[in-house]
Amino acid sequence: MACCVLQITGLIFGGVGMVGTLAATVMPQWRVSAYIDGNIVVFETIWEGLWMDCISQLGIRLQCKFYDSVLALPPTLEAFRALMCIAVILSIISFLMAIVGVKYTHRTKEDPHGISIFILAAGVCFLLTGILVMIPVSWTGGSIIYDFYDPKVPMPLKRELGASLYVGWVSTALLIAAGAMYCSF
């Protein structure tokens, strides 16, 4: 019975982690403009994401623009895009494998070894997906913090951690937890 509860819990964690991975990939709030000086009145907020930049003016008008050229992007941004796209695909595959493993674990008692391979493969894929999400999210967070405290970076170019990074970190934790649950069987 405890095995069934852990499998369902792992499935829920993996599903929420999969949705969070997709959300973190699509959301434009990776880097958010920081207001440091005595500037109380803020007229515009700048968001920078993997796919687009957005400017919100007075919280009323939002303009987003996709990046014009893939070749003009920094190499780290291109790598982060690739890692996050691979993570989205791998999270979907691992979630489907987990569904198959959980569904047929309780139906078939003749071949438990064949079904446990699905559960183990789903666990390994969830762990790998968590690592793939953690790399770009943590790297971006580290570079934002480094630039924020660097006196050489001008004030208008300083950024803060955006909501996408927090979603990515929570997704990483859930995916790794789901992978650990499935690998423990």
N, C-alpha and C. Protein backbone atom coordinates (compact mmCIF):
# COMPACT_ATOMS: atom_id res chain seq x y z
N MET A 1 0.82 -1.19 0.00
CA MET A 1 0.00 0.00 0.00
C MET A 1 0.87 1.27 0.00
N ALA A 2 1.96 1.24 0.79
CA ALA A 2 2.85 2.40 0.83
C ALA A 2 3.52 2.61 -0.52
N CYS A 3 3.75 1.51 -1.23
CA CYS A 3 4.35 1.59 -2.56
C CYS A 3 3.42 2.35 -3.51
N CYS A 4 2.14 2.06 -3.42
CA CYS A 4 1.15 2.72 -4.27
C CYS A 4 1.07 4.22 -3.97
N VAL A 5 1.12 4.57 -2.70
CA VAL A 5 1.06 5.98 -2.30
C VAL A 5 2.29 6.72 -2.81
N LEU A 6 3.47 6.10 -2.69
CA LEU A 6 4.69 6.74 -3.19
C LEU A 6 4.66 6.90 -4.71
N GLN A 7 4.13 5.91 -5.41
CA GLN A 7 4.05 6.01 -6.86
C GLN A 7 3.11 7.14 -7.30
N ILE A 8 1.97 7.24 -6.65
CA ILE A 8 1.03 8.31 -6.98
C ILE A 8 1.61 9.68 -6.60
N THR A 9 2.28 9.76 -5.45
CA THR A 9 2.92 11.01 -5.04
C THR A 9 4.01 11.40 -6.04
N GLY A 10 4.81 10.43 -6.47
CA GLY A 10 5.83 10.70 -7.48
C GLY A 10 5.22 11.16 -8.79
N LEU A 11 4.07 10.58 -9.15
CA LEU A 11 3.39 10.97 -10.37
C LEU A 11 2.88 12.41 -10.28
N ILE A 12 2.35 12.77 -9.13
CA ILE A 12 1.87 14.14 -8.93
C ILE A 12 3.04 15.12 -8.95
N PHE A 13 4.12 14.80 -8.22
CA PHE A 13 5.30 15.67 -8.23
C PHE A 13 5.86 15.81 -9.64
N GLY A 14 5.95 14.71 -10.36
CA GLY A 14 6.47 14.76 -11.73
C GLY A 14 5.58 15.57 -12.65
N GLY A 15 4.27 15.43 -12.49
CA GLY A 15 3.34 16.20 -13.33
C GLY A 15 3.43 17.69 -13.06
N VAL A 16 3.49 18.06 -11.78
CA VAL A 16 3.61 19.48 -11.45
C VAL A 16 4.97 20.01 -11.89
N GLY A 17 6.01 19.20 -11.74
CA GLY A 17 7.34 19.60 -12.21
C GLY A 17 7.38 19.77 -13.72
N MET A 18 6.66 18.89 -14.44
CA MET A 18 6.60 19.00 -15.89
C MET A 18 5.92 20.31 -16.31
N VAL A 19 4.79 20.63 -15.68
CA VAL A 19 4.08 21.88 -15.98
C VAL A 19 4.94 23.09 -15.61
N GLY A 20 5.63 23.01 -14.48
CA GLY A 20 6.51 24.10 -14.07
C GLY A 20 7.68 24.30 -15.02
N THR A 21 8.20 23.19 -15.55
CA THR A 21 9.29 23.29 -16.53
C THR A 21 8.81 23.99 -17.79
N LEU A 22 7.64 23.63 -18.25
CA LEU A 22 7.07 24.27 -19.44
C LEU A 22 6.81 25.75 -19.15
N ALA A 23 6.27 26.06 -17.98
CA ALA A 23 5.99 27.46 -17.63
C ALA A 23 7.27 28.28 -17.54
N ALA A 24 8.29 27.73 -16.90
CA ALA A 24 9.55 28.47 -16.76
C ALA A 24 10.20 28.70 -18.12
N THR A 25 10.02 27.77 -19.04
CA THR A 25 10.59 27.93 -20.37
C THR A 25 9.90 29.04 -21.15
N VAL A 26 8.60 29.15 -21.01
CA VAL A 26 7.82 30.08 -21.82
C VAL A 26 7.75 31.48 -21.21
N MET A 27 7.78 31.58 -19.89
CA MET A 27 7.61 32.88 -19.23
C MET A 27 8.74 33.84 -19.56
N PRO A 28 8.42 35.13 -19.74
CA PRO A 28 9.47 36.10 -20.06
C PRO A 28 10.15 36.71 -18.83
N GLN A 29 9.79 36.31 -17.63
CA GLN A 29 10.34 36.96 -16.44
C GLN A 29 11.56 36.24 -15.89
N TRP A 30 12.59 36.07 -16.69
CA TRP A 30 13.84 35.50 -16.18
C TRP A 30 14.65 36.59 -15.50
N ARG A 31 14.75 37.72 -16.14
CA ARG A 31 15.46 38.88 -15.58
C ARG A 31 14.46 40.03 -15.53
N VAL A 32 14.34 40.67 -14.37
CA VAL A 32 13.38 41.76 -14.19
C VAL A 32 14.16 43.01 -13.80
N SER A 33 13.75 44.16 -14.34
CA SER A 33 14.47 45.40 -14.05
C SER A 33 14.44 45.71 -12.56
N ALA A 34 15.57 46.22 -12.09
CA ALA A 34 15.73 46.54 -10.67
C ALA A 34 15.73 48.05 -10.49
N TYR A 35 15.06 48.50 -9.46
CA TYR A 35 15.03 49.92 -9.15
C TYR A 35 15.71 50.11 -7.80
N ILE A 36 16.90 50.71 -7.86
CA ILE A 36 17.78 50.73 -6.70
C ILE A 36 17.81 52.11 -6.04
N ASP A 37 17.91 53.15 -6.83
CA ASP A 37 18.07 54.49 -6.27
C ASP A 37 16.80 54.92 -5.55
N GLY A 38 16.70 56.18 -5.28
CA GLY A 38 15.54 56.73 -4.59
C GLY A 38 14.35 56.92 -5.51
N ASN A 39 14.32 56.23 -6.61
CA ASN A 39 13.25 56.37 -7.60
C ASN A 39 12.01 55.62 -7.13
N ILE A 40 11.04 56.34 -6.60
CA ILE A 40 9.82 55.71 -6.10
C ILE A 40 8.82 55.49 -7.23
N VAL A 41 8.70 56.45 -8.11
CA VAL A 41 7.75 56.35 -9.21
C VAL A 41 8.40 55.55 -10.33
N VAL A 42 7.79 54.44 -10.66
CA VAL A 42 8.33 53.56 -11.69
C VAL A 42 7.37 53.57 -12.88
N PHE A 43 7.87 54.01 -14.01
CA PHE A 43 7.02 54.11 -15.18
C PHE A 43 7.05 52.86 -16.04
N GLU A 44 8.17 52.16 -16.04
CA GLU A 44 8.21 50.95 -16.86
C GLU A 44 9.02 49.86 -16.18
N THR A 45 8.58 48.64 -16.44
CA THR A 45 9.24 47.46 -15.93
C THR A 45 9.70 46.64 -17.13
N ILE A 46 10.94 46.20 -17.10
CA ILE A 46 11.51 45.43 -18.20
C ILE A 46 11.66 43.98 -17.78
N TRP A 47 11.17 43.07 -18.61
CA TRP A 47 11.34 41.63 -18.40
C TRP A 47 12.16 41.08 -19.53
N GLU A 48 13.10 40.23 -19.21
CA GLU A 48 13.90 39.56 -20.22
C GLU A 48 13.75 38.06 -20.02
N GLY A 49 13.41 37.35 -21.08
CA GLY A 49 13.23 35.91 -21.01
C GLY A 49 14.09 35.18 -22.02
N LEU A 50 13.82 33.90 -22.18
CA LEU A 50 14.56 33.10 -23.15
C LEU A 50 14.15 33.42 -24.58
N TRP A 51 12.90 33.81 -24.76
CA TRP A 51 12.36 33.96 -26.11
C TRP A 51 12.03 35.39 -26.48
N MET A 52 11.81 36.26 -25.48
CA MET A 52 11.37 37.61 -25.77
C MET A 52 11.71 38.57 -24.64
N ASP A 53 11.62 39.86 -24.97
CA ASP A 53 11.71 40.94 -23.99
C ASP A 53 10.35 41.60 -23.91
N CYS A 54 9.97 42.03 -22.72
CA CYS A 54 8.70 42.72 -22.54
C CYS A 54 8.92 43.99 -21.74
N ILE A 55 8.13 45.00 -22.05
CA ILE A 55 8.16 46.26 -21.30
C ILE A 55 6.72 46.56 -20.88
N SER A 56 6.55 46.74 -19.58
CA SER A 56 5.25 47.11 -19.04
C SER A 56 5.32 48.57 -18.62
N GLN A 57 4.43 49.38 -19.17
CA GLN A 57 4.43 50.80 -18.86
C GLN A 57 3.28 51.13 -17.93
N LEU A 58 3.61 51.54 -16.72
CA LEU A 58 2.66 51.90 -15.67
C LEU A 58 1.72 50.75 -15.32
N GLY A 59 2.09 49.54 -15.64
CA GLY A 59 1.23 48.39 -15.34
C GLY A 59 -0.02 48.33 -16.20
N ILE A 60 -0.13 49.20 -17.18
CA ILE A 60 -1.32 49.26 -18.03
C ILE A 60 -1.05 48.64 -19.39
N ARG A 61 0.05 49.02 -19.97
CA ARG A 61 0.35 48.61 -21.34
C ARG A 61 1.55 47.68 -21.33
N LEU A 62 1.40 46.52 -21.97
CA LEU A 62 2.47 45.52 -22.03
C LEU A 62 2.84 45.29 -23.48
N GLN A 63 4.11 45.48 -23.80
CA GLN A 63 4.62 45.23 -25.14
C GLN A 63 5.69 44.17 -25.06
N CYS A 64 5.53 43.11 -25.86
CA CYS A 64 6.51 42.04 -25.90
C CYS A 64 7.02 41.89 -27.33
N LYS A 65 8.29 41.58 -27.43
CA LYS A 65 8.90 41.42 -28.74
C LYS A 65 9.83 40.21 -28.70
N PHE A 66 9.62 39.29 -29.63
CA PHE A 66 10.51 38.14 -29.75
C PHE A 66 11.86 38.62 -30.24
N TYR A 67 12.89 37.89 -29.87
CA TYR A 67 14.23 38.26 -30.34
C TYR A 67 14.28 38.11 -31.86
N ASP A 68 14.90 39.12 -32.51
CA ASP A 68 14.90 39.17 -33.97
C ASP A 68 15.72 38.06 -34.60
N SER A 69 16.92 37.89 -34.13
CA SER A 69 17.84 36.96 -34.78
C SER A 69 18.37 35.94 -33.78
N VAL A 70 18.36 34.70 -34.18
CA VAL A 70 18.93 33.66 -33.33
C VAL A 70 20.45 33.78 -33.30
N LEU A 71 21.03 34.23 -34.40
CA LEU A 71 22.48 34.35 -34.48
C LEU A 71 23.03 35.51 -33.66
N ALA A 72 22.19 36.49 -33.34
CA ALA A 72 22.65 37.64 -32.56
C ALA A 72 22.56 37.41 -31.06
N LEU A 73 22.01 36.29 -30.64
CA LEU A 73 21.86 36.01 -29.21
C LEU A 73 23.20 35.58 -28.61
N PRO A 74 23.38 35.85 -27.32
CA PRO A 74 24.59 35.36 -26.65
C PRO A 74 24.59 33.82 -26.63
N PRO A 75 25.76 33.20 -26.67
CA PRO A 75 25.83 31.73 -26.68
C PRO A 75 25.19 31.09 -25.44
N THR A 76 25.28 31.75 -24.29
CA THR A 76 24.67 31.16 -23.10
C THR A 76 23.15 31.11 -23.23
N LEU A 77 22.56 32.14 -23.81
CA LEU A 77 21.11 32.15 -23.99
C LEU A 77 20.67 31.06 -24.96
N GLU A 78 21.45 30.85 -26.02
CA GLU A 78 21.14 29.77 -26.96
C GLU A 78 21.24 28.41 -26.27
N ALA A 79 22.26 28.24 -25.43
CA ALA A 79 22.42 26.98 -24.70
C ALA A 79 21.28 26.78 -23.70
N PHE A 80 20.87 27.86 -23.03
CA PHE A 80 19.77 27.74 -22.07
C PHE A 80 18.47 27.40 -22.77
N ARG A 81 18.24 27.98 -23.93
CA ARG A 81 17.06 27.62 -24.71
C ARG A 81 17.05 26.13 -25.04
N ALA A 82 18.19 25.66 -25.51
CA ALA A 82 18.29 24.24 -25.89
C ALA A 82 18.08 23.34 -24.67
N LEU A 83 18.71 23.66 -23.55
CA LEU A 83 18.55 22.84 -22.35
C LEU A 83 17.10 22.82 -21.86
N MET A 84 16.45 23.96 -21.88
CA MET A 84 15.06 24.01 -21.42
C MET A 84 14.12 23.28 -22.37
N CYS A 85 14.36 23.36 -23.67
CA CYS A 85 13.53 22.63 -24.63
C CYS A 85 13.72 21.12 -24.46
N ILE A 86 14.95 20.69 -24.28
CA ILE A 86 15.22 19.27 -24.04
C ILE A 86 14.56 18.84 -22.73
N ALA A 87 14.61 19.70 -21.71
CA ALA A 87 14.01 19.37 -20.42
C ALA A 87 12.49 19.23 -20.54
N VAL A 88 11.85 20.09 -21.33
CA VAL A 88 10.40 19.99 -21.52
C VAL A 88 10.05 18.67 -22.18
N ILE A 89 10.77 18.32 -23.24
CA ILE A 89 10.50 17.06 -23.96
C ILE A 89 10.77 15.87 -23.05
N LEU A 90 11.87 15.90 -22.33
CA LEU A 90 12.22 14.79 -21.45
C LEU A 90 11.24 14.66 -20.28
N SER A 91 10.73 15.78 -19.79
CA SER A 91 9.75 15.70 -18.69
C SER A 91 8.44 15.09 -19.17
N ILE A 92 8.04 15.39 -20.38
CA ILE A 92 6.82 14.78 -20.93
C ILE A 92 7.02 13.28 -21.11
N ILE A 93 8.16 12.89 -21.64
CA ILE A 93 8.45 11.46 -21.84
C ILE A 93 8.50 10.73 -20.51
N SER A 94 9.17 11.32 -19.52
CA SER A 94 9.26 10.65 -18.22
C SER A 94 7.91 10.59 -17.53
N PHE A 95 7.08 11.61 -17.70
CA PHE A 95 5.74 11.58 -17.11
C PHE A 95 4.90 10.47 -17.75
N LEU A 96 5.00 10.33 -19.06
CA LEU A 96 4.25 9.25 -19.73
C LEU A 96 4.76 7.88 -19.31
N MET A 97 6.08 7.74 -19.16
CA MET A 97 6.62 6.46 -18.68
C MET A 97 6.16 6.16 -17.26
N ALA A 98 6.09 7.19 -16.44
CA ALA A 98 5.62 7.00 -15.06
C ALA A 98 4.15 6.58 -15.04
N ILE A 99 3.35 7.17 -15.92
CA ILE A 99 1.94 6.78 -15.99
C ILE A 99 1.81 5.31 -16.38
N VAL A 100 2.58 4.90 -17.39
CA VAL A 100 2.54 3.50 -17.81
C VAL A 100 3.00 2.59 -16.68
N GLY A 101 4.07 2.96 -16.01
CA GLY A 101 4.58 2.14 -14.92
C GLY A 101 3.62 2.01 -13.77
N VAL A 102 3.01 3.13 -13.37
CA VAL A 102 2.06 3.10 -12.25
C VAL A 102 0.79 2.36 -12.63
N LYS A 103 0.33 2.58 -13.85
CA LYS A 103 -0.93 1.96 -14.29
C LYS A 103 -0.83 0.44 -14.34
N TYR A 104 0.27 -0.05 -14.88
CA TYR A 104 0.38 -1.48 -15.07
C TYR A 104 1.07 -2.21 -13.92
N THR A 105 1.56 -1.49 -12.93
CA THR A 105 2.15 -2.14 -11.76
C THR A 105 1.08 -2.91 -11.00
N HIS A 106 -0.08 -2.34 -10.90
CA HIS A 106 -1.15 -2.95 -10.10
C HIS A 106 -1.99 -3.93 -10.91
N ARG A 107 -1.91 -3.86 -12.22
CA ARG A 107 -2.70 -4.77 -13.06
C ARG A 107 -1.99 -6.09 -13.31
N THR A 108 -0.69 -6.02 -13.52
CA THR A 108 0.04 -7.24 -13.87
C THR A 108 0.91 -7.67 -12.71
N LYS A 109 0.67 -8.84 -12.26
CA LYS A 109 1.52 -9.42 -11.22
C LYS A 109 2.43 -10.49 -11.83
N GLU A 110 2.21 -10.85 -13.11
CA GLU A 110 3.01 -11.89 -13.74
C GLU A 110 4.43 -11.43 -14.04
N ASP A 111 4.57 -10.19 -14.52
CA ASP A 111 5.88 -9.69 -14.93
C ASP A 111 6.22 -8.40 -14.18
N PRO A 112 6.52 -8.48 -12.90
CA PRO A 112 6.83 -7.25 -12.16
C PRO A 112 8.16 -6.64 -12.59
N HIS A 113 9.07 -7.47 -13.14
CA HIS A 113 10.37 -6.95 -13.58
C HIS A 113 10.20 -6.01 -14.77
N GLY A 114 9.35 -6.36 -15.72
CA GLY A 114 9.14 -5.52 -16.89
C GLY A 114 8.54 -4.18 -16.54
N ILE A 115 7.65 -4.17 -15.58
CA ILE A 115 7.02 -2.92 -15.17
C ILE A 115 7.99 -2.08 -14.34
N SER A 116 8.81 -2.71 -13.52
CA SER A 116 9.74 -1.94 -12.71
C SER A 116 10.78 -1.23 -13.57
N ILE A 117 11.01 -1.73 -14.77
CA ILE A 117 11.92 -1.04 -15.69
C ILE A 117 11.31 0.30 -16.12
N PHE A 118 9.99 0.32 -16.35
CA PHE A 118 9.33 1.58 -16.68
C PHE A 118 9.44 2.58 -15.53
N ILE A 119 9.23 2.09 -14.32
CA ILE A 119 9.30 2.97 -13.14
C ILE A 119 10.72 3.50 -12.97
N LEU A 120 11.72 2.62 -13.10
CA LEU A 120 13.11 3.04 -12.95
C LEU A 120 13.51 4.02 -14.06
N ALA A 121 13.09 3.74 -15.30
CA ALA A 121 13.41 4.66 -16.41
C ALA A 121 12.76 6.01 -16.19
N ALA A 122 11.53 6.02 -15.70
CA ALA A 122 10.86 7.29 -15.41
C ALA A 122 11.61 8.05 -14.31
N GLY A 123 12.07 7.32 -13.30
CA GLY A 123 12.83 7.97 -12.22
C GLY A 123 14.12 8.59 -12.71
N VAL A 124 14.85 7.85 -13.54
CA VAL A 124 16.11 8.38 -14.08
C VAL A 124 15.84 9.59 -14.97
N CYS A 125 14.78 9.51 -15.78
CA CYS A 125 14.45 10.64 -16.65
C CYS A 125 14.02 11.86 -15.84
N PHE A 126 13.26 11.66 -14.77
CA PHE A 126 12.89 12.78 -13.91
C PHE A 126 14.12 13.41 -13.28
N LEU A 127 15.06 12.60 -12.82
CA LEU A 127 16.30 13.14 -12.24
C LEU A 127 17.09 13.94 -13.27
N LEU A 128 17.21 13.38 -14.47
CA LEU A 128 17.93 14.07 -15.54
C LEU A 128 17.24 15.38 -15.91
N THR A 129 15.92 15.36 -15.96
CA THR A 129 15.17 16.58 -16.28
C THR A 129 15.39 17.64 -15.20
N GLY A 130 15.38 17.23 -13.95
CA GLY A 130 15.63 18.18 -12.87
C GLY A 130 17.00 18.83 -12.98
N ILE A 131 17.99 18.04 -13.36
CA ILE A 131 19.34 18.59 -13.54
C ILE A 131 19.38 19.54 -14.74
N LEU A 132 18.70 19.16 -15.83
CA LEU A 132 18.67 20.02 -17.02
C LEU A 132 17.99 21.35 -16.74
N VAL A 133 16.98 21.36 -15.90
CA VAL A 133 16.30 22.62 -15.55
C VAL A 133 17.16 23.43 -14.59
N MET A 134 17.82 22.76 -13.66
CA MET A 134 18.60 23.45 -12.65
C MET A 134 19.78 24.23 -13.25
N ILE A 135 20.39 23.72 -14.30
CA ILE A 135 21.58 24.37 -14.86
C ILE A 135 21.27 25.78 -15.37
N PRO A 136 20.34 25.97 -16.33
CA PRO A 136 20.13 27.35 -16.80
C PRO A 136 19.51 28.26 -15.75
N VAL A 137 18.62 27.72 -14.92
CA VAL A 137 17.97 28.56 -13.92
C VAL A 137 18.98 29.06 -12.88
N SER A 138 19.82 28.16 -12.38
CA SER A 138 20.80 28.56 -11.37
C SER A 138 21.91 29.43 -11.98
N TRP A 139 22.31 29.12 -13.19
CA TRP A 139 23.34 29.93 -13.85
C TRP A 139 22.84 31.35 -14.05
N THR A 140 21.60 31.49 -14.51
CA THR A 140 21.03 32.82 -14.71
C THR A 140 20.90 33.55 -13.38
N GLY A 141 20.43 32.86 -12.36
CA GLY A 141 20.32 33.48 -11.04
C GLY A 141 21.66 33.94 -10.51
N GLY A 142 22.68 33.12 -10.69
CA GLY A 142 24.02 33.50 -10.25
C GLY A 142 24.57 34.70 -10.99
N SER A 143 24.34 34.75 -12.30
CA SER A 143 24.84 35.90 -13.07
C SER A 143 24.08 37.18 -12.73
N ILE A 144 22.79 37.06 -12.44
CA ILE A 144 22.02 38.25 -12.04
C ILE A 144 22.55 38.80 -10.72
N ILE A 145 22.79 37.92 -9.77
CA ILE A 145 23.29 38.35 -8.46
C ILE A 145 24.69 38.94 -8.59
N TYR A 146 25.54 38.31 -9.41
CA TYR A 146 26.89 38.83 -9.61
C TYR A 146 26.85 40.23 -10.24
N ASP A 147 26.03 40.40 -11.28
CA ASP A 147 25.93 41.70 -11.94
C ASP A 147 25.30 42.76 -11.03
N PHE A 148 24.39 42.34 -10.17
CA PHE A 148 23.72 43.29 -9.29
C PHE A 148 24.71 43.93 -8.33
N TYR A 149 25.64 43.16 -7.82
CA TYR A 149 26.62 43.68 -6.87
C TYR A 149 27.91 44.16 -7.51
N ASP A 150 28.01 44.08 -8.82
CA ASP A 150 29.19 44.55 -9.53
C ASP A 150 29.10 46.06 -9.72
N PRO A 151 30.03 46.84 -9.18
CA PRO A 151 29.95 48.30 -9.32
C PRO A 151 30.20 48.78 -10.74
N LYS A 152 30.77 47.94 -11.60
CA LYS A 152 31.04 48.34 -12.98
C LYS A 152 29.78 48.33 -13.85
N VAL A 153 28.74 47.60 -13.43
CA VAL A 153 27.50 47.54 -14.20
C VAL A 153 26.66 48.78 -13.88
N PRO A 154 26.26 49.54 -14.91
CA PRO A 154 25.47 50.75 -14.65
C PRO A 154 24.11 50.41 -14.03
N MET A 155 23.58 51.32 -13.25
CA MET A 155 22.32 51.10 -12.54
C MET A 155 21.17 50.70 -13.46
N PRO A 156 20.99 51.33 -14.63
CA PRO A 156 19.84 50.93 -15.47
C PRO A 156 19.94 49.51 -16.02
N LEU A 157 21.13 48.92 -16.03
CA LEU A 157 21.30 47.57 -16.57
C LEU A 157 21.24 46.48 -15.50
N LYS A 158 21.10 46.87 -14.25
CA LYS A 158 21.01 45.87 -13.18
C LYS A 158 19.64 45.23 -13.21
N ARG A 159 19.62 43.92 -12.98
CA ARG A 159 18.37 43.16 -13.00
C ARG A 159 18.19 42.41 -11.69
N GLU A 160 16.95 41.98 -11.44
CA GLU A 160 16.63 41.16 -10.29
C GLU A 160 16.14 39.80 -10.77
N LEU A 161 16.03 38.87 -9.82
CA LEU A 161 15.55 37.53 -10.14
C LEU A 161 14.06 37.60 -10.50
N GLY A 162 13.71 36.98 -11.61
CA GLY A 162 12.33 36.99 -12.06
C GLY A 162 11.56 35.78 -11.59
N ALA A 163 10.27 35.79 -11.82
CA ALA A 163 9.38 34.71 -11.37
C ALA A 163 9.71 33.38 -12.04
N SER A 164 10.21 33.42 -13.26
CA SER A 164 10.54 32.19 -13.98
C SER A 164 11.63 31.39 -13.25
N LEU A 165 12.55 32.09 -12.65
CA LEU A 165 13.63 31.40 -11.94
C LEU A 165 13.08 30.66 -10.72
N TYR A 166 12.17 31.30 -10.01
CA TYR A 166 11.57 30.63 -8.84
C TYR A 166 10.74 29.43 -9.26
N VAL A 167 9.99 29.58 -10.36
CA VAL A 167 9.22 28.45 -10.89
C VAL A 167 10.17 27.32 -11.30
N GLY A 168 11.29 27.69 -11.91
CA GLY A 168 12.27 26.69 -12.32
C GLY A 168 12.89 25.96 -11.14
N TRP A 169 13.19 26.69 -10.06
CA TRP A 169 13.77 26.03 -8.88
C TRP A 169 12.78 25.09 -8.20
N VAL A 170 11.52 25.50 -8.11
CA VAL A 170 10.50 24.63 -7.53
C VAL A 170 10.30 23.40 -8.41
N SER A 171 10.29 23.61 -9.72
CA SER A 171 10.15 22.48 -10.65
C SER A 171 11.32 21.52 -10.52
N THR A 172 12.51 22.06 -10.37
CA THR A 172 13.68 21.22 -10.18
C THR A 172 13.53 20.36 -8.93
N ALA A 173 13.11 20.97 -7.84
CA ALA A 173 12.95 20.22 -6.59
C ALA A 173 11.90 19.12 -6.75
N LEU A 174 10.78 19.43 -7.40
CA LEU A 174 9.73 18.43 -7.58
C LEU A 174 10.17 17.31 -8.51
N LEU A 175 10.88 17.64 -9.58
CA LEU A 175 11.34 16.61 -10.51
C LEU A 175 12.36 15.70 -9.86
N ILE A 176 13.27 16.27 -9.09
CA ILE A 176 14.27 15.44 -8.41
C ILE A 176 13.61 14.57 -7.34
N ALA A 177 12.62 15.13 -6.64
CA ALA A 177 11.89 14.33 -5.65
C ALA A 177 11.15 13.17 -6.31
N ALA A 178 10.49 13.45 -7.44
CA ALA A 178 9.79 12.39 -8.16
C ALA A 178 10.76 11.33 -8.67
N GLY A 179 11.89 11.76 -9.20
CA GLY A 179 12.90 10.82 -9.66
C GLY A 179 13.45 9.96 -8.54
N ALA A 180 13.67 10.56 -7.39
CA ALA A 180 14.17 9.81 -6.24
C ALA A 180 13.15 8.80 -5.76
N MET A 181 11.88 9.17 -5.79
CA MET A 181 10.82 8.24 -5.39
C MET A 181 10.76 7.04 -6.32
N TYR A 182 10.83 7.29 -7.61
CA TYR A 182 10.74 6.19 -8.58
C TYR A 182 12.01 5.35 -8.62
N CYS A 183 13.15 5.95 -8.38
CA CYS A 183 14.39 5.18 -8.38
C CYS A 183 14.52 4.32 -7.11
N SER A 184 13.77 4.67 -6.08
CA SER A 184 13.87 3.90 -4.83
C SER A 184 13.14 2.56 -4.89
N PHE A 185 12.31 2.35 -5.94
CA PHE A 185 11.58 1.08 -6.03
C PHE A 185 12.49 -0.02 -6.50
